[in-house]
C-alpha atoms as a PDB file:
ATOM      1  CA  MET A   1     118.153  38.560 117.406  1.00  0.00           C
ATOM      2  CA  VAL A   2     114.772  38.855 119.400  1.00  0.00           C
ATOM      3  CA  SER A   3     113.636  35.154 118.164  1.00  0.00           C
ATOM      4  CA  ILE A   4     116.793  33.575 119.034  1.00  0.00           C
ATOM      5  CA  GLY A   5     117.117  35.421 122.501  1.00  0.00           C
ATOM      6  CA  LEU A   6     113.486  34.819 123.493  1.00  0.00           C
ATOM      7  CA  LEU A   7     113.768  31.101 122.522  1.00  0.00           C
ATOM      8  CA  ALA A   8     117.158  30.641 123.780  1.00  0.00           C
ATOM      9  CA  GLY A   9     115.899  32.005 127.363  1.00  0.00           C
ATOM     10  CA  LEU A  10     112.869  29.876 127.166  1.00  0.00           C
ATOM     11  CA  ALA A  11     114.961  26.735 126.196  1.00  0.00           C
ATOM     12  CA  THR A  12     117.277  27.012 129.049  1.00  0.00           C
ATOM     13  CA  TRP A  13     114.468  27.699 131.475  1.00  0.00           C
ATOM     14  CA  LEU A  14     113.036  24.289 129.974  1.00  0.00           C
ATOM     15  CA  PHE A  15     115.933  22.326 130.104  1.00  0.00           C
ATOM     16  CA  LEU A  16     117.109  23.308 133.779  1.00  0.00           C
ATOM     17  CA  THR A  17     113.482  22.786 135.077  1.00  0.00           C
ATOM     18  CA  ALA A  18     113.075  19.309 133.160  1.00  0.00           C
ATOM     19  CA  GLY A  19     116.445  17.919 134.550  1.00  0.00           C
ATOM     20  CA  GLY A  20     118.054  14.920 132.550  1.00  0.00           C
ATOM     21  CA  ILE A  21     118.283  17.117 129.288  1.00  0.00           C
ATOM     22  CA  LEU A  22     121.340  18.709 128.253  1.00  0.00           C
ATOM     23  CA  ILE A  23     121.074  22.226 127.135  1.00  0.00           C
ATOM     24  CA  TRP A  24     124.557  22.334 125.793  1.00  0.00           C
ATOM     25  CA  ALA A  25     123.672  19.464 123.327  1.00  0.00           C
ATOM     26  CA  ALA A  26     120.332  21.268 122.413  1.00  0.00           C
ATOM     27  CA  PHE A  27     122.371  24.657 121.546  1.00  0.00           C
ATOM     28  CA  VAL A  28     124.916  22.399 119.293  1.00  0.00           C
ATOM     29  CA  ALA A  29     122.071  20.804 117.509  1.00  0.00           C
ATOM     30  CA  TRP A  30     120.281  24.286 117.069  1.00  0.00           C
ATOM     31  CA  ALA A  31     123.616  25.730 115.712  1.00  0.00           C
ATOM     32  CA  CYS A  32     123.821  22.524 113.315  1.00  0.00           C
ATOM     33  CA  PHE A  33     120.139  23.258 111.950  1.00  0.00           C
ATOM     34  CA  PHE A  34     121.304  26.672 110.867  1.00  0.00           C
ATOM     35  CA  HIS A  35     124.690  25.603 109.674  1.00  0.00           C
ATOM     36  CA  SER A  36     122.733  22.677 107.545  1.00  0.00           C
ATOM     37  CA  GLY A  37     120.726  25.436 105.888  1.00  0.00           C
ATOM     38  CA  GLY A  38     117.821  26.525 108.155  1.00  0.00           C
ATOM     39  CA  ASP A  39     114.755  24.964 106.559  1.00  0.00           C
ATOM     40  CA  VAL A  40     112.785  21.702 106.384  1.00  0.00           C
ATOM     41  CA  PRO A  41     115.433  19.510 104.846  1.00  0.00           C
ATOM     42  CA  ALA A  42     118.108  20.794 107.447  1.00  0.00           C
ATOM     43  CA  LEU A  43     115.750  20.145 110.117  1.00  0.00           C
ATOM     44  CA  LYS A  44     115.515  16.479 109.202  1.00  0.00           C
ATOM     45  CA  SER A  45     119.089  16.198 108.335  1.00  0.00           C
ATOM     46  CA  THR A  46     119.948  17.473 111.572  1.00  0.00           C
ATOM     47  CA  MET A  47     117.432  15.384 113.634  1.00  0.00           C
ATOM     48  CA  ILE A  48     118.687  12.066 111.820  1.00  0.00           C
ATOM     49  CA  CYS A  49     122.535  12.783 111.339  1.00  0.00           C
ATOM     50  CA  ASN A  50     122.885  13.963 115.121  1.00  0.00           C
ATOM     51  CA  SER A  51     120.864  10.878 116.131  1.00  0.00           C
ATOM     52  CA  PHE A  52     123.028   8.737 113.993  1.00  0.00           C
ATOM     53  CA  GLY A  53     126.266  10.265 115.603  1.00  0.00           C
ATOM     54  CA  VAL A  54     124.748   9.458 119.033  1.00  0.00           C
ATOM     55  CA  LEU A  55     124.286   5.941 118.093  1.00  0.00           C
ATOM     56  CA  SER A  56     127.635   5.728 116.729  1.00  0.00           C
ATOM     57  CA  ALA A  57     129.305   6.854 119.637  1.00  0.00           C
ATOM     58  CA  TRP A  58     127.008   4.754 121.882  1.00  0.00           C
ATOM     59  CA  ILE A  59     128.366   1.560 119.965  1.00  0.00           C
ATOM     60  CA  ALA A  60     131.822   2.749 120.534  1.00  0.00           C
ATOM     61  CA  ALA A  61     131.252   3.124 124.008  1.00  0.00           C
ATOM     62  CA  LEU A  62     129.771  -0.243 124.208  1.00  0.00           C
ATOM     63  CA  MET A  63     132.697  -1.739 122.523  1.00  0.00           C
ATOM     64  CA  LEU A  64     135.253   0.071 124.712  1.00  0.00           C
ATOM     65  CA  LEU A  65     133.502  -1.516 127.678  1.00  0.00           C
ATOM     66  CA  THR A  66     132.743  -5.025 126.482  1.00  0.00           C
ATOM     67  CA  ILE A  67     135.527  -5.968 124.473  1.00  0.00           C
ATOM     68  CA  PRO A  68     138.641  -6.415 126.908  1.00  0.00           C
ATOM     69  CA  LEU A  69     141.478  -5.389 124.647  1.00  0.00           C
ATOM     70  CA  GLY A  70     142.060  -2.248 126.770  1.00  0.00           C
ATOM     71  CA  GLU A  71     144.251  -4.057 129.220  1.00  0.00           C
ATOM     72  CA  SER A  72     146.323  -5.597 126.716  1.00  0.00           C
ATOM     73  CA  LEU A  73     146.647  -2.886 124.285  1.00  0.00           C
ATOM     74  CA  THR A  74     146.525   0.087 126.888  1.00  0.00           C
ATOM     75  CA  LEU A  75     143.192   1.942 127.116  1.00  0.00           C
ATOM     76  CA  PRO A  76     144.292   5.051 124.839  1.00  0.00           C
ATOM     77  CA  LEU A  77     145.404   2.721 122.031  1.00  0.00           C
ATOM     78  CA  TRP A  78     142.316   0.661 122.132  1.00  0.00           C
ATOM     79  CA  ALA A  79     140.068   3.801 122.547  1.00  0.00           C
ATOM     80  CA  GLY A  80     141.840   5.158 119.553  1.00  0.00           C
ATOM     81  CA  ILE A  81     141.178   2.328 117.482  1.00  0.00           C
ATOM     82  CA  ILE A  82     137.478   2.040 118.193  1.00  0.00           C
ATOM     83  CA  VAL A  83     137.059   5.801 117.808  1.00  0.00           C
ATOM     84  CA  GLY A  84     138.790   5.423 114.204  1.00  0.00           C
ATOM     85  CA  VAL A  85     136.691   2.515 113.242  1.00  0.00           C
ATOM     86  CA  THR A  86     133.310   4.231 114.442  1.00  0.00           C
ATOM     87  CA  VAL A  87     134.273   7.504 112.675  1.00  0.00           C
ATOM     88  CA  ALA A  88     135.360   5.840 109.538  1.00  0.00           C
ATOM     89  CA  ALA A  89     132.140   3.862 109.530  1.00  0.00           C
ATOM     90  CA  TYR A  90     129.813   6.668 109.991  1.00  0.00           C
ATOM     91  CA  THR A  91     131.749   8.551 107.303  1.00  0.00           C
ATOM     92  CA  ILE A  92     131.209   5.508 104.847  1.00  0.00           C
ATOM     93  CA  SER A  93     127.541   5.716 105.813  1.00  0.00           C
ATOM     94  CA  ALA A  94     127.269   9.180 104.407  1.00  0.00           C
ATOM     95  CA  ASN A  95     126.920   7.383 101.198  1.00  0.00           C
ATOM     96  CA  VAL A  96     123.453   6.891 102.244  1.00  0.00           C
ATOM     97  CA  THR A  97     121.486  10.053 101.335  1.00  0.00           C
ATOM     98  CA  PHE A  98     119.716  10.509 104.783  1.00  0.00           C
ATOM     99  CA  LEU A  99     123.010  10.219 106.524  1.00  0.00           C
ATOM    100  CA  SER A 100     125.092  12.278 104.304  1.00  0.00           C
ATOM    101  CA  SER A 101     125.805  15.339 106.662  1.00  0.00           C
ATOM    102  CA  ILE A 102     129.128  14.139 108.137  1.00  0.00           C
ATOM    103  CA  PRO A 103     129.413  17.450 110.249  1.00  0.00           C
ATOM    104  CA  ALA A 104     125.931  16.791 111.813  1.00  0.00           C
ATOM    105  CA  THR A 105     126.742  13.166 112.675  1.00  0.00           C
ATOM    106  CA  THR A 106     129.999  14.418 114.129  1.00  0.00           C
ATOM    107  CA  TYR A 107     128.318  16.661 116.376  1.00  0.00           C
ATOM    108  CA  GLY A 108     126.191  13.891 117.703  1.00  0.00           C
ATOM    109  CA  TYR A 109     129.372  11.951 118.105  1.00  0.00           C
ATOM    110  CA  ALA A 110     131.008  14.289 120.086  1.00  0.00           C
ATOM    111  CA  CYS A 111     128.378  15.312 122.209  1.00  0.00           C
ATOM    112  CA  SER A 112     128.040  11.937 123.205  1.00  0.00           C
ATOM    113  CA  PHE A 113     131.515  11.654 124.467  1.00  0.00           C
ATOM    114  CA  ALA A 114     131.432  14.929 126.188  1.00  0.00           C
ATOM    115  CA  PHE A 115     128.430  13.604 128.186  1.00  0.00           C
ATOM    116  CA  LEU A 116     130.042  10.227 129.058  1.00  0.00           C
ATOM    117  CA  LEU A 117     133.307  12.001 129.882  1.00  0.00           C
ATOM    118  CA  GLN A 118     131.542  14.579 131.973  1.00  0.00           C
ATOM    119  CA  THR A 119     129.644  12.047 133.874  1.00  0.00           C
ATOM    120  CA  PRO A 120     132.059   8.949 134.141  1.00  0.00           C
ATOM    121  CA  ASP A 121     129.662   7.308 136.390  1.00  0.00           C
ATOM    122  CA  LYS A 122     127.335   6.657 133.371  1.00  0.00           C
ATOM    123  CA  LEU A 123     130.107   5.266 131.252  1.00  0.00           C
ATOM    124  CA  ASN A 124     129.133   1.561 132.222  1.00  0.00           C
ATOM    125  CA  VAL A 125     127.173  -1.277 130.508  1.00  0.00           C
ATOM    126  CA  GLU A 126     124.475  -0.962 132.977  1.00  0.00           C
ATOM    127  CA  SER A 127     123.945   2.836 132.122  1.00  0.00           C
ATOM    128  CA  LEU A 128     124.370   2.298 128.435  1.00  0.00           C
ATOM    129  CA  THR A 129     121.750  -0.148 128.204  1.00  0.00           C
ATOM    130  CA  GLU A 130     118.975   1.128 130.383  1.00  0.00           C
ATOM    131  CA  ALA A 131     116.013   3.094 129.094  1.00  0.00           C
ATOM    132  CA  SER A 132     116.541   6.093 130.890  1.00  0.00           C
ATOM    133  CA  LEU A 133     118.155   9.411 130.774  1.00  0.00           C
ATOM    134  CA  ASN A 134     121.185   7.902 132.301  1.00  0.00           C
ATOM    135  CA  ASN A 135     121.787   6.270 128.760  1.00  0.00           C
ATOM    136  CA  VAL A 136     123.587   8.670 126.297  1.00  0.00           C
ATOM    137  CA  LEU A 137     121.530   7.247 123.756  1.00  0.00           C
ATOM    138  CA  PHE A 138     118.328   8.755 125.211  1.00  0.00           C
ATOM    139  CA  ALA A 139     119.727  11.897 126.736  1.00  0.00           C
ATOM    140  CA  VAL A 140     121.658  13.316 123.934  1.00  0.00           C
ATOM    141  CA  VAL A 141     119.354  12.208 121.267  1.00  0.00           C
ATOM    142  CA  LEU A 142     116.404  13.791 122.938  1.00  0.00           C
ATOM    143  CA  SER A 143     118.540  16.891 123.861  1.00  0.00           C
ATOM    144  CA  MET A 144     119.663  17.326 120.162  1.00  0.00           C
ATOM    145  CA  ILE A 145     116.182  16.477 118.815  1.00  0.00           C
ATOM    146  CA  ILE A 146     114.772  19.362 120.979  1.00  0.00           C
ATOM    147  CA  GLY A 147     117.460  21.714 120.069  1.00  0.00           C
ATOM    148  CA  ALA A 148     116.903  21.295 116.472  1.00  0.00           C
ATOM    149  CA  GLY A 149     113.073  21.975 116.856  1.00  0.00           C
ATOM    150  CA  PHE A 150     114.006  25.321 118.673  1.00  0.00           C
ATOM    151  CA  GLY A 151     116.444  25.963 115.856  1.00  0.00           C
ATOM    152  CA  PHE A 152     113.526  25.458 113.613  1.00  0.00           C
ATOM    153  CA  LEU A 153     111.166  27.741 115.841  1.00  0.00           C
ATOM    154  CA  THR A 154     113.763  30.339 115.663  1.00  0.00           C
ATOM    155  CA  GLY A 155     113.612  30.509 112.013  1.00  0.00           C
ATOM    156  CA  LYS A 156     109.866  30.631 111.905  1.00  0.00           C
ATOM    157  CA  PHE A 157     109.444  33.196 114.743  1.00  0.00           C
ATOM    158  CA  ALA A 158     112.407  35.434 113.084  1.00  0.00           C
ATOM    159  CA  THR A 159     110.294  35.193 109.630  1.00  0.00           C
ATOM    160  CA  ILE A 160     106.998  36.314 111.461  1.00  0.00           C
ATOM    161  CA  LEU A 161     108.751  39.285 113.236  1.00  0.00           C
ATOM    162  CA  THR A 162     110.345  40.170 109.751  1.00  0.00           C
ATOM    163  CA  ALA A 163     107.001  40.173 107.953  1.00  0.00           C
ATOM    164  CA  ARG A 164     105.470  42.598 110.631  1.00  0.00           C
ATOM    165  CA  GLU A 165     108.649  45.029 110.265  1.00  0.00           C
ATOM    166  CA  ASP A 166     108.158  44.797 106.572  1.00  0.00           C
ATOM    167  CA  GLU A 167     104.266  45.647 106.955  1.00  0.00           C
ATOM    168  CA  ASP A 168     105.242  48.389 109.458  1.00  0.00           C
ATOM    169  CA  GLU A 169     107.340  49.849 107.104  1.00  0.00           C
ATOM    170  CA  GLY A 170     105.211  49.742 104.307  1.00  0.00           C
ATOM    171  CA  LEU A 171     102.339  51.690 106.266  1.00  0.00           C
ATOM    172  CA  GLY A 172     104.817  54.325 106.996  1.00  0.00           C
ATOM    173  CA  GLU A 173     105.645  54.945 103.340  1.00  0.00           C
ATOM    174  CA  ALA A 174     102.019  55.485 102.273  1.00  0.00           C
END
């Protein structure tokens, strides 16, 4: 409780001060880290699979914008096809060991479209191809990697605090 509360407050301050990085995406990755086991393999899996999900969504967004079938098929149908294809592709990719966490990939994918739909001015080819935090690929990946890192730090800090509590209890019994 202490470690997560302190680090959540610190993360919020950091993200709001830095600008361009997304605290909500960091919290999703933070939770994903613990959902995936809360250890070093979970950290690696969270970072890799969250990032792969963002990449998959970025590809989907580029396809939606550059392949002009939305006009003839209607945008909802075309978007449904693109999402169906890209989600199927990342699900099949889970056969590769380092891409095996479908939930972590889905969190990255979902956070990407949350970002793009909440900031429709960034849902254009120019924003999707520039090297800046206007690009979902950079903003969401960076935010999620930092969030997974905060998850890892939370676990380490909790271990330190728990060890101190155990030591203190042991002193009281002597």
